[in-house]
Protein backbone atom coordinates (compact mmCIF):
# COMPACT_ATOMS: atom_id res chain seq x y z
CA MET A 1 -159.87 48.86 90.08
CA GLU A 2 -158.13 45.48 90.18
CA LYS A 3 -155.09 46.98 91.88
CA CYS A 4 -157.22 48.35 94.71
CA ILE A 5 -158.92 44.98 95.19
CA GLN A 6 -155.54 43.20 95.23
CA LYS A 7 -154.14 45.61 97.80
CA GLY A 8 -157.22 45.27 99.98
CA SER A 9 -157.00 41.50 99.81
CA PHE A 10 -153.31 41.43 100.69
CA TYR A 11 -153.57 43.90 103.56
CA GLY A 12 -156.70 42.22 104.90
CA PHE A 13 -154.90 38.87 104.88
CA LEU A 14 -151.90 40.27 106.74
CA VAL A 15 -153.92 42.17 109.34
CA CYS A 16 -156.19 39.23 110.12
CA LEU A 17 -153.22 36.86 110.18
CA ALA A 18 -151.52 39.06 112.78
CA LEU A 19 -154.73 39.27 114.81
CA ALA A 20 -155.15 35.50 114.59
CA PHE A 21 -151.68 34.98 116.10
CA LEU A 22 -152.79 37.12 119.02
CA PHE A 23 -156.26 35.71 119.66
CA VAL A 24 -156.34 32.05 118.56
CA ASP A 25 -155.89 29.75 121.53
CA TYR A 26 -153.00 27.33 121.31
CA LYS A 27 -153.90 25.50 124.50
CA VAL A 28 -157.06 24.29 126.22
CA ILE A 29 -157.30 24.55 130.00
CA THR A 30 -159.91 22.33 131.65
CA PRO A 31 -160.63 22.41 135.37
CA PHE A 32 -161.11 19.21 137.34
CA ASP A 33 -161.23 18.30 141.05
CA GLY A 34 -159.09 20.94 142.71
CA GLY A 35 -156.79 21.62 139.78
CA TYR A 36 -156.38 22.31 136.11
CA THR A 37 -155.08 20.38 133.17
CA THR A 38 -153.51 21.97 130.12
CA GLU A 39 -153.71 20.38 126.69
CA TYR A 40 -151.93 21.94 123.75
CA VAL A 41 -153.69 22.11 120.39
CA PRO A 42 -151.88 20.12 117.68
CA VAL A 43 -149.76 22.28 115.40
CA TYR A 44 -151.74 21.33 112.30
CA ASP A 45 -155.05 22.44 113.86
CA TYR A 46 -153.48 25.67 115.12
CA ILE A 47 -152.04 26.57 111.70
CA VAL A 48 -155.30 25.74 109.91
CA SER A 49 -157.29 27.97 112.26
CA ILE A 50 -154.84 30.85 111.79
CA ILE A 51 -154.93 30.53 108.00
CA ARG A 52 -158.74 30.36 108.12
CA PHE A 53 -158.82 33.75 109.85
CA GLY A 54 -156.33 35.14 107.33
CA VAL A 55 -158.38 34.00 104.34
CA SER A 56 -161.58 35.43 105.79
CA GLY A 57 -159.71 38.72 106.30
CA ALA A 58 -158.60 38.60 102.67
CA PHE A 59 -162.21 38.33 101.54
CA ILE A 60 -163.21 41.23 103.78
CA GLY A 61 -160.29 43.24 102.40
CA MET A 62 -161.35 42.44 98.82
CA PHE A 63 -164.85 43.71 99.57
CA VAL A 64 -163.50 46.89 101.16
CA GLY A 65 -161.12 47.45 98.22
CA TRP A 66 -163.98 46.95 95.78
CA MET A 67 -166.12 49.48 97.65
CA ILE A 68 -163.28 52.02 97.73
CA SER A 69 -162.64 51.65 94.00
CA LYS A 70 -166.36 51.92 93.31
CA ILE A 71 -166.55 55.16 95.32
CA LYS A 72 -163.47 56.56 93.55
CA ASN A 73 -164.92 55.75 90.12
CA GLU A 74 -168.22 57.46 90.98
CA ASP A 75 -166.36 60.58 92.10
CA ASN A 76 -164.45 60.73 88.80
CA LYS A 77 -167.63 60.68 86.69
């Protein structure tokens, strides 16, 4: 049971970390009179937001792993 939860946590972390690299904005574009200005997010804020998505994915993966192990244990009984 613990092995399934650990695997789910690890894979959930990796998948959400990869998705965070794709979808977290690293720059902010604001329009003004006839043009645009681009401001880049500081590296610290960018890394913290990516890790936040990864940790939330780990918790989701732990829940999914727990549910899978619970279903497998019910089938064995």
